[in-house]
Amino acid sequence: MSLASFYTKTFGLGAVIGANQMLAAAEAKQKRKQLLEEQEAKERMTRLTSQ
């Protein structure tokens, strides 16, 4: 394997891993937002039913 081929594979793998990490972070952020919205909706419902 030539040096250029090695670097191409190494940096290509790094780019794929980086892209996967960015995707996972975006999904986690969206999931957190969804959970917070659900929690706020439950709290609103609790306040409305307790009045």
N, C-alpha and C. Protein backbone atom coordinates (compact mmCIF):
# COMPACT_ATOMS: atom_id res chain seq x y z
N MET A 1 0.86 -1.18 0.00
CA MET A 1 0.00 0.00 0.00
C MET A 1 0.90 1.23 0.00
N SER A 2 0.60 2.13 -0.87
CA SER A 2 1.40 3.35 -0.95
C SER A 2 1.02 4.31 0.17
N LEU A 3 1.88 5.25 0.40
CA LEU A 3 1.64 6.24 1.45
C LEU A 3 0.40 7.07 1.14
N ALA A 4 0.22 7.44 -0.11
CA ALA A 4 -0.96 8.23 -0.50
C ALA A 4 -2.24 7.44 -0.26
N SER A 5 -2.21 6.17 -0.58
CA SER A 5 -3.38 5.31 -0.37
C SER A 5 -3.69 5.20 1.13
N PHE A 6 -2.64 5.05 1.93
CA PHE A 6 -2.81 4.96 3.39
C PHE A 6 -3.46 6.23 3.94
N TYR A 7 -2.94 7.38 3.55
CA TYR A 7 -3.50 8.64 4.04
C TYR A 7 -4.93 8.86 3.55
N THR A 8 -5.20 8.46 2.31
CA THR A 8 -6.55 8.59 1.78
C THR A 8 -7.53 7.76 2.60
N LYS A 9 -7.16 6.53 2.90
CA LYS A 9 -8.03 5.66 3.69
C LYS A 9 -8.18 6.19 5.11
N THR A 10 -7.08 6.64 5.70
CA THR A 10 -7.11 7.15 7.07
C THR A 10 -7.99 8.39 7.19
N PHE A 11 -7.78 9.36 6.31
CA PHE A 11 -8.58 10.58 6.38
C PHE A 11 -10.02 10.34 5.97
N GLY A 12 -10.23 9.41 5.05
CA GLY A 12 -11.59 9.04 4.66
C GLY A 12 -12.34 8.44 5.84
N LEU A 13 -11.67 7.56 6.57
CA LEU A 13 -12.27 6.95 7.75
C LEU A 13 -12.56 8.02 8.80
N GLY A 14 -11.63 8.94 8.98
CA GLY A 14 -11.84 10.03 9.95
C GLY A 14 -13.03 10.89 9.58
N ALA A 15 -13.20 11.15 8.29
CA ALA A 15 -14.34 11.96 7.83
C ALA A 15 -15.65 11.23 8.09
N VAL A 16 -15.67 9.93 7.85
CA VAL A 16 -16.88 9.14 8.08
C VAL A 16 -17.22 9.12 9.57
N ILE A 17 -16.23 8.91 10.40
CA ILE A 17 -16.46 8.89 11.85
C ILE A 17 -16.95 10.26 12.32
N GLY A 18 -16.35 11.32 11.83
CA GLY A 18 -16.77 12.67 12.20
C GLY A 18 -18.20 12.95 11.78
N ALA A 19 -18.56 12.53 10.58
CA ALA A 19 -19.93 12.73 10.10
C ALA A 19 -20.92 11.95 10.95
N ASN A 20 -20.56 10.73 11.33
CA ASN A 20 -21.44 9.93 12.18
C ASN A 20 -21.61 10.57 13.55
N GLN A 21 -20.56 11.14 14.09
CA GLN A 21 -20.65 11.81 15.39
C GLN A 21 -21.54 13.04 15.30
N MET A 22 -21.43 13.79 14.22
CA MET A 22 -22.29 14.97 14.05
C MET A 22 -23.75 14.55 13.93
N LEU A 23 -24.01 13.48 13.21
CA LEU A 23 -25.38 12.98 13.06
C LEU A 23 -25.93 12.52 14.40
N ALA A 24 -25.12 11.79 15.16
CA ALA A 24 -25.57 11.32 16.47
C ALA A 24 -25.85 12.49 17.40
N ALA A 25 -25.02 13.52 17.36
CA ALA A 25 -25.24 14.69 18.20
C ALA A 25 -26.52 15.41 17.81
N ALA A 26 -26.79 15.52 16.53
CA ALA A 26 -28.01 16.17 16.07
C ALA A 26 -29.24 15.38 16.49
N GLU A 27 -29.16 14.05 16.39
CA GLU A 27 -30.28 13.21 16.81
C GLU A 27 -30.50 13.32 18.32
N ALA A 28 -29.42 13.35 19.09
CA ALA A 28 -29.54 13.47 20.54
C ALA A 28 -30.15 14.81 20.92
N LYS A 29 -29.76 15.86 20.23
CA LYS A 29 -30.31 17.19 20.50
C LYS A 29 -31.81 17.22 20.20
N GLN A 30 -32.21 16.61 19.09
CA GLN A 30 -33.62 16.56 18.71
C GLN A 30 -34.41 15.75 19.73
N LYS A 31 -33.86 14.62 20.17
CA LYS A 31 -34.54 13.76 21.15
C LYS A 31 -34.70 14.51 22.47
N ARG A 32 -33.66 15.23 22.89
CA ARG A 32 -33.73 16.01 24.13
C ARG A 32 -34.82 17.07 24.04
N LYS A 33 -34.88 17.75 22.91
CA LYS A 33 -35.90 18.78 22.70
C LYS A 33 -37.29 18.17 22.77
N GLN A 34 -37.46 17.01 22.15
CA GLN A 34 -38.76 16.33 22.15
C GLN A 34 -39.15 15.93 23.58
N LEU A 35 -38.21 15.40 24.34
CA LEU A 35 -38.50 14.99 25.71
C LEU A 35 -38.87 16.19 26.58
N LEU A 36 -38.17 17.31 26.40
CA LEU A 36 -38.49 18.51 27.16
C LEU A 36 -39.88 19.03 26.82
N GLU A 37 -40.24 18.98 25.54
CA GLU A 37 -41.58 19.42 25.13
C GLU A 37 -42.65 18.52 25.73
N GLU A 38 -42.40 17.21 25.75
CA GLU A 38 -43.36 16.28 26.35
C GLU A 38 -43.50 16.54 27.85
N GLN A 39 -42.38 16.80 28.52
CA GLN A 39 -42.41 17.08 29.96
C GLN A 39 -43.20 18.36 30.23
N GLU A 40 -42.97 19.39 29.43
CA GLU A 40 -43.71 20.65 29.61
C GLU A 40 -45.20 20.44 29.37
N ALA A 41 -45.55 19.63 28.39
CA ALA A 41 -46.96 19.36 28.11
C ALA A 41 -47.60 18.62 29.29
N LYS A 42 -46.89 17.68 29.88
CA LYS A 42 -47.41 16.95 31.05
C LYS A 42 -47.60 17.90 32.22
N GLU A 43 -46.63 18.80 32.44
CA GLU A 43 -46.75 19.76 33.54
C GLU A 43 -47.93 20.70 33.32
N ARG A 44 -48.13 21.15 32.07
CA ARG A 44 -49.29 22.00 31.76
C ARG A 44 -50.59 21.26 32.03
N MET A 45 -50.66 20.01 31.62
CA MET A 45 -51.87 19.22 31.83
C MET A 45 -52.13 19.02 33.32
N THR A 46 -51.07 18.80 34.09
CA THR A 46 -51.22 18.63 35.54
C THR A 46 -51.75 19.91 36.17
N ARG A 47 -51.23 21.05 35.75
CA ARG A 47 -51.70 22.33 36.29
C ARG A 47 -53.15 22.57 35.93
N LEU A 48 -53.52 22.26 34.70
CA LEU A 48 -54.90 22.48 34.26
C LEU A 48 -55.88 21.58 34.99
N THR A 49 -55.50 20.34 35.23
CA THR A 49 -56.41 19.40 35.90
C THR A 49 -56.47 19.64 37.40
N SER A 50 -55.46 20.28 37.97
CA SER A 50 -55.47 20.51 39.42
C SER A 50 -56.23 21.77 39.81
N GLN A 51 -56.62 22.58 38.85
CA GLN A 51 -57.32 23.83 39.17
C GLN A 51 -58.78 23.59 39.41
